[in-house]
């Protein structure tokens, strides 16, 4: 794929060169794409849209977010060089 070229433009170029008689192997070499991209371009005028998958599991930090939020709120009031005082700690 040439720099700055969209996938739709690449598909159009692949189809055009294929109609002009270029073999699939020559198309792969000319455009630097795998055979699957050449086959997709020759079977469909439009590329498939990207699919995104949502996170399958919750974050490991989810149970601790209230504690983290509380620590961050306390740190907003602390002076710049004051050490962290965690909620529930008795250290002075």
C-alpha atoms as a PDB file:
ATOM      1  CA  UNK A   1       0.000   0.000   0.000  1.00  0.00           C
ATOM      2  CA  UNK A   2       1.375   3.376  -0.966  1.00  0.00           C
ATOM      3  CA  UNK A   3       1.768   6.056   1.733  1.00  0.00           C
ATOM      4  CA  UNK A   4      -1.291   8.282   2.017  1.00  0.00           C
ATOM      5  CA  UNK A   5      -3.433   5.844   0.053  1.00  0.00           C
ATOM      6  CA  UNK A   6      -6.741   4.772   1.561  1.00  0.00           C
ATOM      7  CA  UNK A   7      -7.917   1.199   1.510  1.00  0.00           C
ATOM      8  CA  UNK A   8     -10.702   2.084  -0.956  1.00  0.00           C
ATOM      9  CA  UNK A   9      -8.103   3.564  -3.328  1.00  0.00           C
ATOM     10  CA  UNK A  10      -5.941   0.462  -2.911  1.00  0.00           C
ATOM     11  CA  UNK A  11      -8.884  -1.823  -3.713  1.00  0.00           C
ATOM     12  CA  UNK A  12      -9.700   0.249  -6.815  1.00  0.00           C
ATOM     13  CA  UNK A  13      -6.087   0.092  -8.017  1.00  0.00           C
ATOM     14  CA  UNK A  14      -5.929  -3.664  -7.433  1.00  0.00           C
ATOM     15  CA  UNK A  15      -9.156  -4.207  -9.400  1.00  0.00           C
ATOM     16  CA  UNK A  16      -8.000  -1.895 -12.212  1.00  0.00           C
ATOM     17  CA  UNK A  17      -4.632  -3.643 -12.595  1.00  0.00           C
ATOM     18  CA  UNK A  18      -6.319  -7.044 -12.417  1.00  0.00           C
ATOM     19  CA  UNK A  19      -8.665  -6.044 -15.272  1.00  0.00           C
ATOM     20  CA  UNK A  20      -5.587  -4.946 -17.260  1.00  0.00           C
ATOM     21  CA  UNK A  21      -4.237  -8.495 -16.990  1.00  0.00           C
ATOM     22  CA  UNK A  22      -1.884  -8.499 -13.997  1.00  0.00           C
ATOM     23  CA  UNK A  23      -1.694 -11.771 -12.090  1.00  0.00           C
ATOM     24  CA  UNK A  24      -2.520 -11.961  -8.395  1.00  0.00           C
ATOM     25  CA  UNK A  25       1.150 -12.614  -7.602  1.00  0.00           C
ATOM     26  CA  UNK A  26       2.216  -9.501  -9.536  1.00  0.00           C
ATOM     27  CA  UNK A  27      -0.426  -7.440  -7.686  1.00  0.00           C
ATOM     28  CA  UNK A  28       0.921  -8.687  -4.359  1.00  0.00           C
ATOM     29  CA  UNK A  29       4.473  -7.658  -5.293  1.00  0.00           C
ATOM     30  CA  UNK A  30       3.499  -4.287  -6.800  1.00  0.00           C
ATOM     31  CA  UNK A  31       1.395  -3.131  -3.852  1.00  0.00           C
ATOM     32  CA  UNK A  32       3.136  -5.039  -1.051  1.00  0.00           C
ATOM     33  CA  UNK A  33      -0.045  -6.706   0.225  1.00  0.00           C
ATOM     34  CA  UNK A  34      -0.793 -10.352   1.065  1.00  0.00           C
ATOM     35  CA  UNK A  35      -2.871 -12.613  -1.170  1.00  0.00           C
ATOM     36  CA  UNK A  36      -5.867 -12.280   1.150  1.00  0.00           C
ATOM     37  CA  UNK A  37      -6.036  -8.517   0.528  1.00  0.00           C
ATOM     38  CA  UNK A  38      -5.875  -9.068  -3.241  1.00  0.00           C
ATOM     39  CA  UNK A  39      -8.688 -11.638  -3.026  1.00  0.00           C
ATOM     40  CA  UNK A  40     -10.822  -9.325  -0.857  1.00  0.00           C
ATOM     41  CA  UNK A  41     -10.291  -6.453  -3.303  1.00  0.00           C
ATOM     42  CA  UNK A  42     -11.308  -8.600  -6.271  1.00  0.00           C
ATOM     43  CA  UNK A  43     -14.453  -9.941  -4.581  1.00  0.00           C
ATOM     44  CA  UNK A  44     -15.760  -6.717  -3.044  1.00  0.00           C
ATOM     45  CA  UNK A  45     -15.525  -3.081  -4.093  1.00  0.00           C
ATOM     46  CA  UNK A  46     -15.599  -1.861  -0.484  1.00  0.00           C
ATOM     47  CA  UNK A  47     -13.278  -2.998   2.329  1.00  0.00           C
ATOM     48  CA  UNK A  48     -14.864  -4.527   5.397  1.00  0.00           C
ATOM     49  CA  UNK A  49     -15.272  -2.027   8.242  1.00  0.00           C
ATOM     50  CA  UNK A  50     -13.032  -2.475  11.250  1.00  0.00           C
ATOM     51  CA  UNK A  51     -14.545  -4.422  14.077  1.00  0.00           C
ATOM     52  CA  UNK A  52     -13.857  -3.509  17.662  1.00  0.00           C
ATOM     53  CA  UNK A  53     -14.359  -5.852  20.549  1.00  0.00           C
ATOM     54  CA  UNK A  54     -15.323  -4.636  23.968  1.00  0.00           C
ATOM     55  CA  UNK A  55     -13.386  -5.724  27.009  1.00  0.00           C
ATOM     56  CA  UNK A  56     -14.603  -9.168  28.002  1.00  0.00           C
ATOM     57  CA  UNK A  57     -13.760  -8.786  31.671  1.00  0.00           C
ATOM     58  CA  UNK A  58     -13.774  -5.924  34.157  1.00  0.00           C
ATOM     59  CA  UNK A  59     -10.584  -4.274  35.286  1.00  0.00           C
ATOM     60  CA  UNK A  60      -8.735  -5.744  38.259  1.00  0.00           C
ATOM     61  CA  UNK A  61      -8.712  -2.269  39.813  1.00  0.00           C
ATOM     62  CA  UNK A  62     -12.516  -1.963  39.869  1.00  0.00           C
ATOM     63  CA  UNK A  63     -12.864  -3.122  43.507  1.00  0.00           C
ATOM     64  CA  UNK A  64     -10.277  -0.532  44.588  1.00  0.00           C
ATOM     65  CA  UNK A  65     -11.524   2.544  42.690  1.00  0.00           C
ATOM     66  CA  UNK A  66     -13.384   4.024  45.706  1.00  0.00           C
ATOM     67  CA  UNK A  67     -10.213   3.798  47.816  1.00  0.00           C
ATOM     68  CA  UNK A  68      -8.071   5.270  45.035  1.00  0.00           C
ATOM     69  CA  UNK A  69     -10.543   8.116  44.541  1.00  0.00           C
ATOM     70  CA  UNK A  70     -10.517   8.848  48.269  1.00  0.00           C
ATOM     71  CA  UNK A  71      -6.709   8.921  48.359  1.00  0.00           C
ATOM     72  CA  UNK A  72      -6.621  11.293  45.399  1.00  0.00           C
ATOM     73  CA  UNK A  73      -9.184  13.604  46.995  1.00  0.00           C
ATOM     74  CA  UNK A  74      -7.165  13.716  50.227  1.00  0.00           C
ATOM     75  CA  UNK A  75      -4.003  14.486  48.239  1.00  0.00           C
ATOM     76  CA  UNK A  76      -5.701  17.528  46.686  1.00  0.00           C
ATOM     77  CA  UNK A  77      -5.782  19.196  50.107  1.00  0.00           C
ATOM     78  CA  UNK A  78      -2.261  18.137  51.145  1.00  0.00           C
ATOM     79  CA  UNK A  79       0.694  20.477  50.827  1.00  0.00           C
ATOM     80  CA  UNK A  80       3.139  19.778  48.053  1.00  0.00           C
ATOM     81  CA  UNK A  81       5.695  17.863  50.126  1.00  0.00           C
ATOM     82  CA  UNK A  82       3.360  16.306  52.666  1.00  0.00           C
ATOM     83  CA  UNK A  83       3.522  12.492  52.727  1.00  0.00           C
ATOM     84  CA  UNK A  84       0.508  10.478  51.725  1.00  0.00           C
ATOM     85  CA  UNK A  85      -1.926   9.660  54.514  1.00  0.00           C
ATOM     86  CA  UNK A  86      -4.109   6.781  53.486  1.00  0.00           C
ATOM     87  CA  UNK A  87      -7.676   6.598  54.802  1.00  0.00           C
ATOM     88  CA  UNK A  88      -7.890   4.400  57.836  1.00  0.00           C
ATOM     89  CA  UNK A  89      -4.152   4.535  58.628  1.00  0.00           C
ATOM     90  CA  UNK A  90      -3.092   5.497  62.145  1.00  0.00           C
ATOM     91  CA  UNK A  91       0.478   6.536  61.292  1.00  0.00           C
ATOM     92  CA  UNK A  92       1.296  10.158  62.080  1.00  0.00           C
END
